């Protein structure tokens, strides 16, 4: 399939007409409960901060989808349309948007919990946290820039998965000792021996959302793996080689955390290719899990126009893909690369929304009018009452039509490295965070935190927030968190921002540490995030209109770059000090407290 031009809408009249038809159909479908209001366009604010500590500015502006040789228009944005729905309807939509992707068992199965990357775990959140146990030390050698060094603990993004299965709460994560670890959440003891890979693991692992005993993970050793957990030791069933594509770019690492919906796996590689795999999961005659993956798509996320625009070839995909399922407007997967290119592919050919999958990728049969239903076994809230069970894939997804295509339907250029994952809200709007390293005109203009409307071909930029510095790196590595009407994100320059997600206004700003890469999690109106000084901190964000008071902080021995997993009174996270930690309330402390 030929690569479209840099601005897909300017050269694809057929797609433009299809886009218009979908928008008209959507407006008719929503007319029964939507009251339209006009969003006032903001005014472009000029000026560029000269140091990391300078105040950020917000803009509501048009932007460009082309390389920087085509300047930004100087006029204000055209008026947009905001939907105001009844509180009951909004509650239903939000429930669907923030719910976990896994419905056949309880747990936090992946980085940010669902296909929108908007689920952070389940409370209660500890109010007086102490270390319940720690696992380690863990370290291993790896080369960076041709120089080998020792890496310790866990890094970016490094979120563990926490699942209730086989009569225990299980915690699984990849680490810098070249291994995937499998721990009992209660004691910190291994329930399986670690599975070794050939190099460090930086990204977040994923446990199968449909309950198959499968774990998915990348490694810097060139391979993405599918691992079976129903045997001891765990066994690698499949490996995807980053070198098995024409003209791979950058390197062979797999930082991206995958996403599985309906037997299809979505994943990006640092070779700058985006993949869709048909997993063909099943069980053999002995009842052991099997996979027979087939690569459905290997899409290069680069072209010569992008290389010319950024003046280098550093275009790896390091963020985790996000999917928005929309029966009216079509299903889409979104991802970005370190050249600043944000892409949306139409994946309607897979038939996911037609098969009944929920907006955040939840399995059919568990949703009705956007609301999660009790499980048939009586477990309630989508979870079974008994042990974990496998949810079968609908028959309608058994075969993908031959010659299926996945056209590019959205392109946007941030102007700089975009490693944070794209976050999607209940309306299908995108929240994109970008770094500020190359200091190109496009990045200076469009900012580092952006809200994008992927259905507006002419003016996708709704608002943006700048985090820029004249010297040194700036911008955002962490993935933003959505909570209510707010977006929360830390910046590399040491600012934790609370931004109104409707108009891009910075409501409050809290000082944090430089190199703040840990993506925040929000559970029970509590924002939790690690910092470079080794502190795990929590803020009360129950009142989004005021600067949040800090509830507590607890210190470990090294920087926390990884994202926390919050689960039923416990917080799990790794540190660069070589250890993985479990925190709980002091009143729940075990009789024994030592290294595992």
Protein backbone atom coordinates (compact mmCIF):
# COMPACT_ATOMS: atom_id res chain seq x y z
CA UNK A 1 0.00 0.00 0.00
CA UNK A 2 1.61 3.29 -1.05
CA UNK A 3 2.49 5.82 1.64
CA UNK A 4 0.21 8.87 1.39
CA UNK A 5 1.55 12.40 1.32
CA UNK A 6 2.44 14.17 4.55
CA UNK A 7 -0.98 15.79 4.77
CA UNK A 8 -3.29 12.89 4.03
CA UNK A 9 -6.39 15.06 3.73
CA UNK A 10 -4.96 17.39 1.07
CA UNK A 11 -4.36 14.59 -1.41
CA UNK A 12 -7.08 12.05 -0.63
CA UNK A 13 -10.45 13.40 -1.76
CA UNK A 14 -12.14 10.05 -1.26
CA UNK A 15 -11.07 9.94 2.36
CA UNK A 16 -12.16 13.55 2.81
CA UNK A 17 -15.67 12.72 1.59
CA UNK A 18 -15.80 9.65 3.80
CA UNK A 19 -14.71 11.75 6.75
CA UNK A 20 -17.54 14.26 6.08
CA UNK A 21 -20.15 11.51 5.80
CA UNK A 22 -19.04 9.98 9.10
CA UNK A 23 -19.19 13.33 10.85
CA UNK A 24 -22.73 13.98 9.60
CA UNK A 25 -23.88 10.52 10.70
CA UNK A 26 -22.32 11.01 14.14
CA UNK A 27 -24.05 14.36 14.67
CA UNK A 28 -27.42 12.86 13.77
CA UNK A 29 -26.85 9.88 16.10
CA UNK A 30 -25.94 12.13 19.02
CA UNK A 31 -28.62 14.77 18.40
CA UNK A 32 -31.07 13.22 20.86
CA UNK A 33 -28.91 14.05 23.83
CA UNK A 34 -26.31 16.59 22.73
CA UNK A 35 -26.69 20.32 23.25
CA UNK A 36 -24.19 22.21 21.19
CA UNK A 37 -22.20 25.11 22.53
CA UNK A 38 -19.64 27.21 20.82
CA UNK A 39 -16.14 27.05 22.19
CA UNK A 40 -14.50 30.43 22.07
CA UNK A 41 -11.20 30.41 20.21
CA UNK A 42 -8.26 31.54 22.31
CA UNK A 43 -5.62 33.91 21.14
CA UNK A 44 -2.16 32.78 20.07
CA UNK A 45 0.34 33.81 22.70
CA UNK A 46 3.76 34.74 21.48
CA UNK A 47 7.10 34.49 23.19
CA UNK A 48 9.34 31.61 24.18
CA UNK A 49 10.59 30.86 27.71
CA UNK A 50 14.31 31.33 27.98
CA UNK A 51 14.94 28.92 30.86
CA UNK A 52 13.40 25.73 32.29
CA UNK A 53 11.76 27.66 35.11
CA UNK A 54 9.96 30.20 32.94
CA UNK A 55 6.17 30.24 32.95
CA UNK A 56 4.42 28.12 30.34
CA UNK A 57 1.87 29.55 27.96
CA UNK A 58 -1.27 28.02 26.50
CA UNK A 59 -2.63 28.55 23.02
CA UNK A 60 -5.73 27.62 21.13
CA UNK A 61 -4.61 27.73 17.53
CA UNK A 62 -4.54 26.19 14.12
CA UNK A 63 -1.50 24.13 13.25
CA UNK A 64 0.07 22.46 10.24
CA UNK A 65 0.35 18.85 9.16
CA UNK A 66 3.34 19.55 6.92
CA UNK A 67 7.08 20.01 7.49
CA UNK A 68 8.19 23.37 8.93
CA UNK A 69 8.89 24.87 5.49
CA UNK A 70 5.14 25.67 5.43
CA UNK A 71 4.51 28.29 8.16
CA UNK A 72 1.71 28.21 10.67
CA UNK A 73 -1.25 30.47 9.91
CA UNK A 74 -1.23 33.54 12.13
CA UNK A 75 -5.00 33.72 12.48
CA UNK A 76 -6.97 32.33 15.38
CA UNK A 77 -8.52 28.90 15.20
CA UNK A 78 -11.90 28.44 13.65
CA UNK A 79 -14.70 27.97 16.14
CA UNK A 80 -15.11 24.42 17.40
CA UNK A 81 -18.14 22.53 18.72
CA UNK A 82 -18.33 21.20 22.26
CA UNK A 83 -20.92 18.64 23.28
CA UNK A 84 -22.76 19.14 26.55
CA UNK A 85 -24.65 16.00 27.53
CA UNK A 86 -26.88 15.13 30.44
CA UNK A 87 -25.10 14.12 33.62
CA UNK A 88 -26.51 10.58 33.42
CA UNK A 89 -25.28 10.10 29.85
CA UNK A 90 -21.91 11.65 30.68
CA UNK A 91 -21.54 9.25 33.61
CA UNK A 92 -22.13 6.29 31.31
CA UNK A 93 -19.60 7.54 28.76
CA UNK A 94 -16.98 8.24 31.40
CA UNK A 95 -17.50 4.83 33.00
CA UNK A 96 -16.81 3.19 29.65
CA UNK A 97 -13.80 5.41 29.00
CA UNK A 98 -12.05 4.78 32.32
CA UNK A 99 -12.97 1.12 32.91
CA UNK A 100 -10.32 -1.64 32.69
CA UNK A 101 -9.96 -3.58 29.46
CA UNK A 102 -10.07 -6.92 31.29
CA UNK A 103 -13.59 -8.05 32.22
CA UNK A 104 -13.18 -11.77 32.95
CA UNK A 105 -10.85 -11.25 35.92
CA UNK A 106 -9.86 -8.49 38.31
CA UNK A 107 -6.58 -6.70 37.80
CA UNK A 108 -4.51 -4.01 36.13
CA UNK A 109 -3.48 -5.91 33.03
CA UNK A 110 -1.48 -3.34 31.03
CA UNK A 111 0.10 0.11 30.91
CA UNK A 112 -2.69 2.49 31.81
CA UNK A 113 -5.29 -0.26 31.99
CA UNK A 114 -7.30 0.02 28.75
CA UNK A 115 -7.15 0.93 25.08
CA UNK A 116 -7.66 4.64 25.83
CA UNK A 117 -4.78 4.53 28.36
CA UNK A 118 -7.08 6.00 31.04
CA UNK A 119 -7.37 3.29 33.73
CA UNK A 120 -4.89 3.47 36.62
CA UNK A 121 -5.91 0.71 39.01
CA UNK A 122 -8.27 0.20 41.93
CA UNK A 123 -8.30 1.56 45.48
CA UNK A 124 -8.23 2.00 48.31
CA UNK A 125 -5.04 4.07 48.16
CA UNK A 126 -2.78 3.74 51.22
CA UNK A 127 -2.95 6.83 53.46
CA UNK A 128 0.16 6.12 55.54
CA UNK A 129 2.35 4.08 53.18
CA UNK A 130 5.38 2.10 54.22
CA UNK A 131 7.46 -0.52 52.42
CA UNK A 132 5.76 -3.90 52.88
CA UNK A 133 8.46 -5.78 50.97
CA UNK A 134 11.01 -5.22 48.25
CA UNK A 135 12.45 -7.51 45.61
CA UNK A 136 16.02 -7.34 44.37
CA UNK A 137 18.65 -6.25 43.78
CA UNK A 138 18.32 -6.43 39.99
CA UNK A 139 20.90 -5.13 37.51
CA UNK A 140 22.49 -5.97 34.18
CA UNK A 141 24.78 -4.62 31.45
CA UNK A 142 23.56 -2.90 28.30
CA UNK A 143 25.08 -0.63 25.67
CA UNK A 144 23.98 2.93 25.01
CA UNK A 145 25.65 4.99 22.31
CA UNK A 146 28.26 2.25 21.92
CA UNK A 147 29.21 2.41 25.61
CA UNK A 148 28.30 -0.46 27.91
CA UNK A 149 27.11 0.35 31.43
CA UNK A 150 25.29 -1.35 34.28
CA UNK A 151 21.56 -0.62 34.56
CA UNK A 152 19.73 -1.24 37.85
CA UNK A 153 16.11 -1.72 38.87
CA UNK A 154 13.32 -0.66 36.53
CA UNK A 155 12.94 2.40 34.32
CA UNK A 156 10.63 4.18 31.91
CA UNK A 157 7.82 3.15 31.53
CA UNK A 158 8.18 0.01 33.64
CA UNK A 159 4.64 -0.30 35.02
CA UNK A 160 3.94 -3.75 36.50
CA UNK A 161 0.75 -5.67 35.89
CA UNK A 162 -1.27 -6.87 38.88
CA UNK A 163 -3.83 -9.65 38.32
CA UNK A 164 -6.00 -11.87 40.50
CA UNK A 165 -5.47 -15.43 39.30
CA UNK A 166 -4.79 -18.94 40.61
CA UNK A 167 -5.92 -18.00 44.10
CA UNK A 168 -3.42 -15.15 44.54
CA UNK A 169 -2.66 -11.61 43.50
CA UNK A 170 0.20 -11.79 41.03
CA UNK A 171 2.62 -8.98 40.15
CA UNK A 172 4.66 -9.21 36.94
CA UNK A 173 7.18 -6.79 35.45
CA UNK A 174 10.31 -6.53 33.31
CA UNK A 175 13.56 -5.18 34.73
CA UNK A 176 17.11 -4.12 33.94
CA UNK A 177 18.52 -7.50 34.97
CA UNK A 178 17.37 -8.83 31.55
CA UNK A 179 14.43 -10.69 33.14
CA UNK A 180 10.67 -10.79 33.58
CA UNK A 181 9.74 -11.33 37.24
CA UNK A 182 6.67 -13.13 38.63
CA UNK A 183 5.88 -12.33 42.29
CA UNK A 184 3.19 -13.09 44.84
CA UNK A 185 1.82 -9.64 45.75
CA UNK A 186 1.23 -10.64 49.37
CA UNK A 187 4.74 -11.82 50.19
CA UNK A 188 6.98 -10.66 47.36
CA UNK A 189 8.10 -14.25 46.79
CA UNK A 190 8.38 -15.60 43.21
CA UNK A 191 5.57 -17.90 42.05
CA UNK A 192 7.59 -18.66 38.90
CA UNK A 193 11.33 -18.36 38.29
CA UNK A 194 12.34 -15.22 36.35
CA UNK A 195 12.35 -15.53 32.57
CA UNK A 196 15.64 -14.28 31.16
CA UNK A 197 15.99 -12.30 27.93
CA UNK A 198 19.16 -11.19 26.15
CA UNK A 199 19.14 -7.54 27.30
CA UNK A 200 17.37 -5.05 29.55
CA UNK A 201 13.58 -4.55 29.59
CA UNK A 202 12.47 -0.92 29.84
CA UNK A 203 8.82 -0.99 28.80
CA UNK A 204 5.68 -2.30 30.51
CA UNK A 205 4.57 -5.91 30.20
CA UNK A 206 0.96 -6.88 29.43
CA UNK A 207 -1.14 -9.77 30.73
CA UNK A 208 -3.73 -11.11 28.30
CA UNK A 209 -6.97 -9.12 28.77
CA UNK A 210 -9.17 -12.12 27.88
CA UNK A 211 -7.67 -14.30 30.61
CA UNK A 212 -5.40 -16.52 28.53
CA UNK A 213 -2.31 -17.37 30.63
CA UNK A 214 -0.11 -15.24 28.38
CA UNK A 215 2.26 -12.37 29.06
CA UNK A 216 3.53 -10.03 26.32
CA UNK A 217 6.80 -8.10 26.57
CA UNK A 218 9.61 -6.54 24.60
CA UNK A 219 13.33 -6.44 25.32
CA UNK A 220 16.36 -4.60 24.01
CA UNK A 221 17.68 -7.92 22.66
CA UNK A 222 15.84 -7.51 19.33
CA UNK A 223 12.77 -9.57 20.24
CA UNK A 224 9.18 -9.04 21.27
CA UNK A 225 7.89 -12.13 23.12
CA UNK A 226 4.67 -13.97 23.88
CA UNK A 227 5.15 -15.99 27.07
CA UNK A 228 3.04 -18.89 28.41
CA UNK A 229 2.47 -18.85 32.20
CA UNK A 230 0.63 -22.17 32.56
CA UNK A 231 3.86 -24.12 32.93
CA UNK A 232 6.89 -23.97 35.21
CA UNK A 233 9.15 -22.37 34.21
CA UNK A 234 7.32 -19.90 31.96
CA UNK A 235 7.92 -20.59 28.28
CA UNK A 236 8.37 -18.30 25.27
CA UNK A 237 5.88 -19.38 22.60
CA UNK A 238 6.68 -16.72 19.99
CA UNK A 239 9.33 -14.11 19.20
CA UNK A 240 9.01 -11.20 16.76
CA UNK A 241 12.38 -10.02 15.42
CA UNK A 242 12.82 -6.26 14.97
CA UNK A 243 15.19 -6.93 12.05
CA UNK A 244 12.62 -8.84 9.99
CA UNK A 245 11.32 -5.80 8.10
CA UNK A 246 12.70 -3.87 5.14
CA UNK A 247 14.81 -0.84 6.10
CA UNK A 248 14.39 -0.79 9.90
CA UNK A 249 15.34 2.58 11.41
CA UNK A 250 17.03 3.54 14.69
CA UNK A 251 17.46 0.35 16.78
CA UNK A 252 16.06 -3.02 17.85
CA UNK A 253 14.50 -2.21 21.26
CA UNK A 254 10.84 -2.73 22.18
CA UNK A 255 9.81 -0.07 24.72
CA UNK A 256 6.19 0.03 23.61
CA UNK A 257 3.65 -1.79 25.78
CA UNK A 258 1.35 -3.81 23.52
CA UNK A 259 -2.42 -3.82 23.33
CA UNK A 260 -4.61 -6.87 22.66
CA UNK A 261 -8.24 -6.61 21.52
CA UNK A 262 -10.20 -9.45 19.96
CA UNK A 263 -7.21 -11.72 19.25
CA UNK A 264 -5.36 -8.84 17.55
CA UNK A 265 -2.17 -7.45 19.05
CA UNK A 266 -1.01 -3.88 18.37
CA UNK A 267 2.62 -2.98 18.99
CA UNK A 268 5.28 -0.47 17.93
CA UNK A 269 9.02 -1.08 17.69
CA UNK A 270 12.05 1.14 17.95
CA UNK A 271 12.76 0.00 14.39
CA UNK A 272 10.00 2.57 13.61
CA UNK A 273 7.53 -0.06 12.40
CA UNK A 274 4.00 -0.46 13.72
CA UNK A 275 2.59 -4.00 13.85
CA UNK A 276 -0.77 -5.70 13.96
CA UNK A 277 -0.62 -9.43 14.73
CA UNK A 278 -3.41 -12.01 14.65
CA UNK A 279 -2.52 -14.12 17.68
CA UNK A 280 -4.70 -17.20 17.06
CA UNK A 281 -4.80 -18.07 20.76
CA UNK A 282 -6.05 -21.45 21.87
CA UNK A 283 -5.27 -24.57 23.90
CA UNK A 284 -3.70 -27.88 22.96
CA UNK A 285 -5.06 -31.34 23.76
CA UNK A 286 -3.36 -31.22 27.15
CA UNK A 287 -5.07 -27.94 28.00
CA UNK A 288 -1.95 -25.82 27.62
CA UNK A 289 -2.22 -22.39 26.02
CA UNK A 290 -1.03 -21.96 22.43
CA UNK A 291 -0.50 -19.09 19.99
CA UNK A 292 0.11 -19.09 16.24
CA UNK A 293 0.74 -15.42 15.46
CA UNK A 294 0.48 -14.02 11.95
CA UNK A 295 1.73 -10.53 11.09
CA UNK A 296 -1.23 -8.69 9.56
CA UNK A 297 0.49 -5.31 9.20
CA UNK A 298 4.05 -3.96 9.46
CA UNK A 299 3.71 -0.26 8.75
CA UNK A 300 6.75 2.06 8.56
CA UNK A 301 6.04 5.21 10.59
CA UNK A 302 8.54 7.31 8.65
CA UNK A 303 9.16 8.73 5.18
CA UNK A 304 11.70 11.00 3.51
CA UNK A 305 9.58 14.10 4.21
CA UNK A 306 9.82 13.41 7.92
CA UNK A 307 13.58 12.86 7.77
CA UNK A 308 13.97 16.17 5.95
CA UNK A 309 11.77 17.99 8.44
CA UNK A 310 13.59 16.77 11.57
CA UNK A 311 17.07 16.70 9.93
CA UNK A 312 17.92 13.25 11.29
CA UNK A 313 16.65 9.64 11.17
CA UNK A 314 15.82 9.12 14.88
CA UNK A 315 12.23 8.01 14.44
CA UNK A 316 11.66 5.03 16.74
CA UNK A 317 8.23 4.15 18.16
CA UNK A 318 8.59 4.08 21.95
CA UNK A 319 5.07 4.89 23.09
CA UNK A 320 2.27 2.41 23.59
CA UNK A 321 -0.54 2.27 20.99
CA UNK A 322 -4.04 3.49 21.86
CA UNK A 323 -7.28 2.41 20.20
CA UNK A 324 -10.64 4.17 19.89
CA UNK A 325 -13.53 1.93 18.83
CA UNK A 326 -16.36 3.85 17.21
CA UNK A 327 -19.12 2.09 15.28
CA UNK A 328 -20.17 5.34 13.56
CA UNK A 329 -16.87 7.04 12.76
CA UNK A 330 -14.77 3.90 12.39
CA UNK A 331 -12.20 2.15 14.60
CA UNK A 332 -8.77 3.71 14.88
CA UNK A 333 -5.37 2.97 16.41
CA UNK A 334 -3.08 5.89 17.31
CA UNK A 335 0.66 6.01 17.96
CA UNK A 336 3.57 8.41 17.53
CA UNK A 337 7.30 8.30 16.91
CA UNK A 338 10.39 10.17 18.01
CA UNK A 339 10.27 12.27 14.88
CA UNK A 340 7.10 13.81 16.27
CA UNK A 341 4.79 12.12 13.83
CA UNK A 342 1.36 11.19 15.27
CA UNK A 343 -0.52 8.68 13.14
CA UNK A 344 -4.03 7.27 13.16
CA UNK A 345 -4.79 4.13 11.16
CA UNK A 346 -8.30 3.01 10.28
CA UNK A 347 -8.62 -0.54 11.68
CA UNK A 348 -12.32 -0.98 10.91
CA UNK A 349 -11.40 -3.99 8.76
CA UNK A 350 -10.79 -5.93 11.98
CA UNK A 351 -14.47 -5.61 12.89
CA UNK A 352 -13.91 -4.85 16.58
CA UNK A 353 -16.69 -2.36 17.25
CA UNK A 354 -19.06 -4.35 15.02
CA UNK A 355 -18.34 -7.40 17.19
CA UNK A 356 -19.40 -5.42 20.27
CA UNK A 357 -16.10 -4.45 21.89
CA UNK A 358 -16.40 -1.52 24.29
CA UNK A 359 -14.84 1.93 23.78
CA UNK A 360 -11.76 1.04 25.83
CA UNK A 361 -11.38 -2.38 24.21
CA UNK A 362 -13.58 -4.29 26.67
CA UNK A 363 -14.94 -7.65 25.54
CA UNK A 364 -18.43 -8.02 24.00
CA UNK A 365 -21.27 -8.96 26.29
CA UNK A 366 -20.05 -6.78 29.14
CA UNK A 367 -21.35 -3.44 27.84
CA UNK A 368 -24.77 -1.96 27.27
CA UNK A 369 -25.21 1.70 26.34
CA UNK A 370 -21.70 2.41 27.54
CA UNK A 371 -22.20 0.80 30.96
CA UNK A 372 -20.29 -2.19 32.30
CA UNK A 373 -22.64 -5.07 33.20
CA UNK A 374 -22.34 -7.68 35.95
CA UNK A 375 -20.70 -10.90 34.81
CA UNK A 376 -23.01 -13.83 34.13
CA UNK A 377 -21.37 -15.77 36.97
CA UNK A 378 -22.55 -13.16 39.48
CA UNK A 379 -19.23 -11.50 40.17
CA UNK A 380 -20.51 -7.99 39.43
CA UNK A 381 -18.63 -5.07 37.86
CA UNK A 382 -17.56 -7.31 35.01
CA UNK A 383 -15.51 -9.73 37.14
CA UNK A 384 -16.37 -13.42 37.65
CA UNK A 385 -17.30 -14.61 41.11
CA UNK A 386 -14.88 -17.50 41.08
CA UNK A 387 -11.43 -18.03 39.65
CA UNK A 388 -10.16 -16.37 36.51
CA UNK A 389 -11.75 -17.59 33.31
CA UNK A 390 -10.93 -17.18 29.63
CA UNK A 391 -13.33 -15.06 27.60
CA UNK A 392 -13.68 -16.47 24.06
CA UNK A 393 -13.17 -14.37 20.96
CA UNK A 394 -16.40 -13.74 18.96
CA UNK A 395 -16.83 -15.96 15.90
CA UNK A 396 -17.14 -12.84 13.76
CA UNK A 397 -13.43 -12.18 14.30
CA UNK A 398 -12.30 -15.66 13.30
CA UNK A 399 -11.06 -14.62 9.89
CA UNK A 400 -9.75 -11.31 8.59
CA UNK A 401 -10.89 -10.58 5.01
CA UNK A 402 -8.16 -11.01 2.43
CA UNK A 403 -6.37 -7.86 1.24
CA UNK A 404 -7.64 -5.84 4.20
CA UNK A 405 -6.20 -2.35 4.33
CA UNK A 406 -5.50 -0.03 7.23
CA UNK A 407 -5.32 3.44 5.69
CA UNK A 408 -3.76 6.44 7.42
CA UNK A 409 -6.69 8.68 8.39
CA UNK A 410 -4.90 11.11 10.69
CA UNK A 411 -1.49 12.75 10.63
CA UNK A 412 -0.08 15.44 12.85
CA UNK A 413 3.47 16.63 13.35
CA UNK A 414 4.49 17.84 16.83
CA UNK A 415 7.96 18.84 15.66
CA UNK A 416 9.87 16.78 18.21
CA UNK A 417 10.33 13.41 19.92
CA UNK A 418 6.94 12.05 21.05
CA UNK A 419 7.49 9.08 23.35
CA UNK A 420 4.51 9.54 25.68
CA UNK A 421 1.49 7.42 24.77
CA UNK A 422 -1.51 9.03 23.10
CA UNK A 423 -4.41 9.30 25.57
CA UNK A 424 -8.01 9.28 24.28
CA UNK A 425 -11.09 10.71 25.97
CA UNK A 426 -14.75 9.73 25.72
CA UNK A 427 -15.28 11.94 22.65
CA UNK A 428 -12.33 10.46 20.75
CA UNK A 429 -10.11 13.51 21.34
CA UNK A 430 -6.36 12.91 21.66
CA UNK A 431 -3.97 14.18 24.35
CA UNK A 432 -0.40 14.14 23.07
CA UNK A 433 2.76 15.01 25.01
CA UNK A 434 6.04 15.74 23.25
CA UNK A 435 9.63 16.47 24.19
CA UNK A 436 11.61 19.62 23.33
CA UNK A 437 15.06 18.55 22.18
CA UNK A 438 15.51 19.54 18.54
CA UNK A 439 14.02 23.03 19.16
CA UNK A 440 12.52 23.21 15.68
CA UNK A 441 10.05 25.98 14.79
CA UNK A 442 7.11 23.55 14.72
CA UNK A 443 7.72 22.40 18.30
CA UNK A 444 8.14 25.98 19.46
CA UNK A 445 4.84 26.90 17.86
CA UNK A 446 2.53 24.01 18.74
CA UNK A 447 3.84 23.36 22.26
CA UNK A 448 4.53 20.18 24.19
CA UNK A 449 1.09 19.19 25.55
CA UNK A 450 -1.63 19.16 22.92
CA UNK A 451 -5.29 18.32 22.65
CA UNK A 452 -6.05 17.20 19.11
CA UNK A 453 -9.33 16.63 17.32
CA UNK A 454 -8.50 13.84 14.85
CA UNK A 455 -11.82 14.37 13.05
CA UNK A 456 -11.06 17.97 12.12
CA UNK A 457 -9.01 17.80 8.94
CA UNK A 458 -8.27 21.51 8.76
CA UNK A 459 -7.63 22.53 12.38
CA UNK A 460 -6.90 19.49 14.58
CA UNK A 461 -5.09 21.47 17.30
CA UNK A 462 -7.67 22.38 19.96
CA UNK A 463 -5.20 23.83 22.49
CA UNK A 464 -1.59 23.45 23.54
CA UNK A 465 0.71 24.09 26.49
CA UNK A 466 4.38 24.94 26.13
CA UNK A 467 7.29 23.63 28.20
CA UNK A 468 10.41 24.97 26.52
CA UNK A 469 13.96 25.98 27.41
CA UNK A 470 16.61 27.82 25.44
CA UNK A 471 19.31 25.48 26.77
CA UNK A 472 18.99 21.79 27.57
CA UNK A 473 16.07 19.45 27.06
CA UNK A 474 12.52 20.29 28.03
CA UNK A 475 9.04 19.01 27.32
CA UNK A 476 7.31 15.83 28.44
CA UNK A 477 8.30 12.15 28.61
CA UNK A 478 5.47 11.03 30.93
CA UNK A 479 2.06 10.00 29.62
CA UNK A 480 -0.68 12.44 30.70
CA UNK A 481 -3.43 11.25 33.05
CA UNK A 482 -7.09 12.18 32.49
CA UNK A 483 -9.30 12.55 35.55
CA UNK A 484 -12.66 14.29 35.41
CA UNK A 485 -12.22 17.66 33.72
CA UNK A 486 -8.45 17.71 34.21
CA UNK A 487 -5.23 16.55 32.56
CA UNK A 488 -2.29 15.89 34.88
CA UNK A 489 1.29 15.61 33.62
CA UNK A 490 4.84 16.26 34.88
CA UNK A 491 7.45 17.90 32.66
CA UNK A 492 11.14 17.22 32.19
CA UNK A 493 11.83 20.69 33.59
CA UNK A 494 10.29 19.78 36.94
CA UNK A 495 6.68 20.96 36.85
CA UNK A 496 3.59 18.95 37.70
CA UNK A 497 0.73 20.59 35.81
CA UNK A 498 -3.02 20.49 36.35
CA UNK A 499 -4.63 21.54 33.06
CA UNK A 500 -8.30 22.03 32.25
CA UNK A 501 -8.82 19.47 29.50
CA UNK A 502 -11.54 21.49 27.79
CA UNK A 503 -9.74 24.80 27.25
CA UNK A 504 -6.06 24.05 27.99
CA UNK A 505 -5.89 26.51 30.88
CA UNK A 506 -3.21 25.72 33.48
CA UNK A 507 -5.28 25.58 36.68
CA UNK A 508 -2.33 24.95 38.98
CA UNK A 509 1.35 24.05 38.92
CA UNK A 510 3.39 22.20 41.56
CA UNK A 511 7.16 22.02 41.61
CA UNK A 512 8.63 18.55 41.23
CA UNK A 513 12.07 17.25 40.31
CA UNK A 514 13.95 17.72 37.06
CA UNK A 515 13.74 14.67 34.74
CA UNK A 516 10.19 13.83 35.89
CA UNK A 517 9.39 10.83 33.68
CA UNK A 518 7.08 8.76 35.90
CA UNK A 519 3.57 8.83 34.42
CA UNK A 520 1.04 9.82 37.11
CA UNK A 521 -1.80 7.56 38.23
CA UNK A 522 -5.07 8.87 39.70
CA UNK A 523 -7.14 6.59 41.93
CA UNK A 524 -9.73 7.69 44.53
CA UNK A 525 -9.05 11.37 43.73
CA UNK A 526 -5.41 10.78 44.66
CA UNK A 527 -2.61 11.55 42.20
CA UNK A 528 0.46 9.33 42.71
CA UNK A 529 3.82 9.80 41.01
CA UNK A 530 7.49 9.07 41.57
CA UNK A 531 10.30 11.60 41.19
CA UNK A 532 14.02 11.70 40.44
CA UNK A 533 14.98 12.14 44.10
CA UNK A 534 13.47 8.75 44.89
CA UNK A 535 10.25 9.99 46.48
CA UNK A 536 6.86 8.46 45.82
CA UNK A 537 4.35 11.29 46.36
CA UNK A 538 0.59 11.63 46.55
CA UNK A 539 -1.64 14.69 46.16
CA UNK A 540 -5.34 15.20 46.88
CA UNK A 541 -7.00 16.23 43.59
CA UNK A 542 -10.60 15.97 44.81
CA UNK A 543 -10.96 19.72 44.19
CA UNK A 544 -9.62 20.27 40.67
CA UNK A 545 -9.93 24.05 40.96
CA UNK A 546 -7.27 24.48 43.62
CA UNK A 547 -3.60 23.57 44.00
CA UNK A 548 -3.62 20.06 45.45
CA UNK A 549 -2.29 19.51 48.97
CA UNK A 550 0.36 16.81 49.30
CA UNK A 551 -1.00 13.88 51.28
CA UNK A 552 2.22 11.97 51.88
CA UNK A 553 5.62 11.05 50.52
CA UNK A 554 7.88 8.06 51.04
CA UNK A 555 11.49 7.69 49.93
CA UNK A 556 13.41 4.84 48.33
CA UNK A 557 17.07 4.58 47.37
CA UNK A 558 16.98 5.82 43.78
CA UNK A 559 15.08 7.68 41.08
CA UNK A 560 11.58 6.47 40.23
CA UNK A 561 11.09 6.64 36.46
CA UNK A 562 8.56 3.81 36.30
CA UNK A 563 4.79 4.17 36.48
CA UNK A 564 3.04 2.90 39.60
CA UNK A 565 0.37 0.21 39.73
CA UNK A 566 -2.32 0.85 42.36
CA UNK A 567 -4.27 -2.18 43.49
CA UNK A 568 -6.57 -2.67 46.50
CA UNK A 569 -4.53 -1.03 49.24
CA UNK A 570 -1.13 -1.60 47.66
CA UNK A 571 1.14 0.44 45.38
CA UNK A 572 3.74 -1.39 43.28
CA UNK A 573 6.67 0.32 41.55
CA UNK A 574 10.34 -0.21 40.74
CA UNK A 575 13.25 2.18 41.22
CA UNK A 576 16.64 2.79 39.65
CA UNK A 577 18.17 1.73 42.99
CA UNK A 578 17.86 -1.90 41.86
CA UNK A 579 14.71 -2.83 43.80
CA UNK A 580 11.02 -3.35 43.17
CA UNK A 581 8.75 -2.14 45.99
CA UNK A 582 5.35 -2.91 47.47
CA UNK A 583 3.85 -0.12 49.60
CA UNK A 584 0.87 -0.46 51.95
CA UNK A 585 -0.58 1.25 54.99
CA UNK A 586 1.56 1.10 58.10
CA UNK A 587 -1.32 -0.56 59.97
CA UNK A 588 -1.18 -3.44 57.49
CA UNK A 589 2.56 -4.06 57.84
CA UNK A 590 3.48 -7.72 57.89
CA UNK A 591 5.26 -9.31 60.83
CA UNK A 592 8.33 -9.80 58.64
CA UNK A 593 9.84 -7.07 56.51
CA UNK A 594 12.94 -7.86 54.55
CA UNK A 595 14.40 -8.33 51.12
CA UNK A 596 13.00 -11.14 49.02
